Amino acid sequence: MEFKPKATVCAVMLVLLLLSSYDSGGVGVAEARICTGKSQHHSFPCISDKSCTKTCLSEHGAKWTAGYCKFRRCTCQREC
């Protein structure tokens, strides 16, 4: 009979944990879609995200807001 109080406490804690992580559909957070594209001016293999961001921000007409180095290629990104 020693396990019954411990099992009850565990069950209650599990239910509280599940209820605390449940989203009731109240005010939600809207996330913007992110569009990505290859940098037009950065043709050589990249080394750092910093250099890609600098290149993407300097490209005219594309309105890129950030850049990162992925598989040694500069990838630019912006909100769609």
Protein backbone atom coordinates (compact mmCIF):
# COMPACT_ATOMS: atom_id res chain seq x y z
CA MET A 1 0.00 0.00 0.00
CA GLU A 2 3.04 2.21 0.09
CA PHE A 3 2.98 2.75 -3.68
CA LYS A 4 -0.55 4.14 -3.86
CA PRO A 5 0.24 7.64 -2.48
CA LYS A 6 3.35 7.87 -4.66
CA ALA A 7 1.39 6.80 -7.74
CA THR A 8 -1.31 9.37 -6.99
CA VAL A 9 1.27 12.14 -6.64
CA CYS A 10 2.92 11.10 -9.90
CA ALA A 11 -0.42 11.02 -11.71
CA VAL A 12 -1.36 14.46 -10.42
CA MET A 13 2.02 15.90 -11.43
CA LEU A 14 1.69 14.38 -14.91
CA VAL A 15 -1.79 15.88 -15.38
CA LEU A 16 -0.55 19.30 -14.22
CA LEU A 17 2.37 19.10 -16.60
CA LEU A 18 0.10 18.22 -19.52
CA LEU A 19 -2.35 20.99 -18.68
CA SER A 20 0.39 23.59 -18.35
CA SER A 21 1.71 22.83 -21.84
CA TYR A 22 -1.73 22.84 -23.48
CA ASP A 23 -2.42 25.88 -25.67
CA SER A 24 -6.08 26.84 -25.36
CA GLY A 25 -6.09 28.81 -28.60
CA GLY A 26 -6.06 32.21 -26.95
CA VAL A 27 -3.91 35.02 -28.24
CA GLY A 28 -1.36 33.40 -30.50
CA VAL A 29 1.91 34.61 -31.89
CA ALA A 30 1.96 35.16 -35.62
CA GLU A 31 5.13 34.16 -37.38
CA ALA A 32 6.21 35.66 -40.67
CA ARG A 33 7.12 33.40 -43.54
CA ILE A 34 10.81 33.49 -44.38
CA CYS A 35 11.96 33.49 -48.01
CA THR A 36 15.50 32.47 -48.86
CA GLY A 37 17.62 32.81 -51.96
CA LYS A 38 21.17 32.44 -53.16
CA SER A 39 23.34 35.55 -53.04
CA GLN A 40 23.90 37.05 -56.49
CA HIS A 41 27.22 38.73 -55.67
CA HIS A 42 28.92 36.17 -53.43
CA SER A 43 30.22 33.58 -55.93
CA PHE A 44 33.11 32.12 -53.90
CA PRO A 45 32.70 29.63 -51.00
CA CYS A 46 31.79 31.41 -47.78
CA ILE A 47 33.42 30.99 -44.41
CA SER A 48 31.26 32.97 -41.98
CA ASP A 49 27.68 34.13 -41.52
CA LYS A 50 28.94 37.67 -40.93
CA SER A 51 30.35 38.05 -44.44
CA CYS A 52 27.18 36.59 -45.97
CA THR A 53 24.96 38.96 -44.02
CA LYS A 54 27.07 41.90 -45.17
CA THR A 55 26.84 40.76 -48.81
CA CYS A 56 23.08 40.11 -48.65
CA LEU A 57 22.35 43.49 -47.07
CA SER A 58 24.35 45.27 -49.79
CA GLU A 59 22.48 43.64 -52.70
CA HIS A 60 20.20 46.22 -54.30
CA GLY A 61 16.58 45.49 -55.16
CA ALA A 62 16.26 42.20 -53.28
CA LYS A 63 15.52 43.71 -49.84
CA TRP A 64 17.32 40.95 -47.95
CA THR A 65 17.37 41.38 -44.19
CA ALA A 66 19.89 38.70 -43.20
CA GLY A 67 22.27 36.10 -44.56
CA TYR A 68 24.04 32.96 -43.45
CA CYS A 69 26.62 30.50 -44.71
CA LYS A 70 25.06 27.13 -45.51
CA PHE A 71 27.06 24.36 -47.19
CA ARG A 72 29.76 26.95 -48.06
CA ARG A 73 27.24 29.06 -50.04
CA CYS A 74 25.80 32.40 -49.00
CA THR A 75 22.04 32.18 -48.49
CA CYS A 76 20.07 35.39 -48.06
CA GLN A 77 16.73 35.64 -46.28
CA ARG A 78 13.84 38.08 -45.83
CA GLU A 79 10.18 38.10 -44.88
CA CYS A 80 7.94 37.03 -47.77
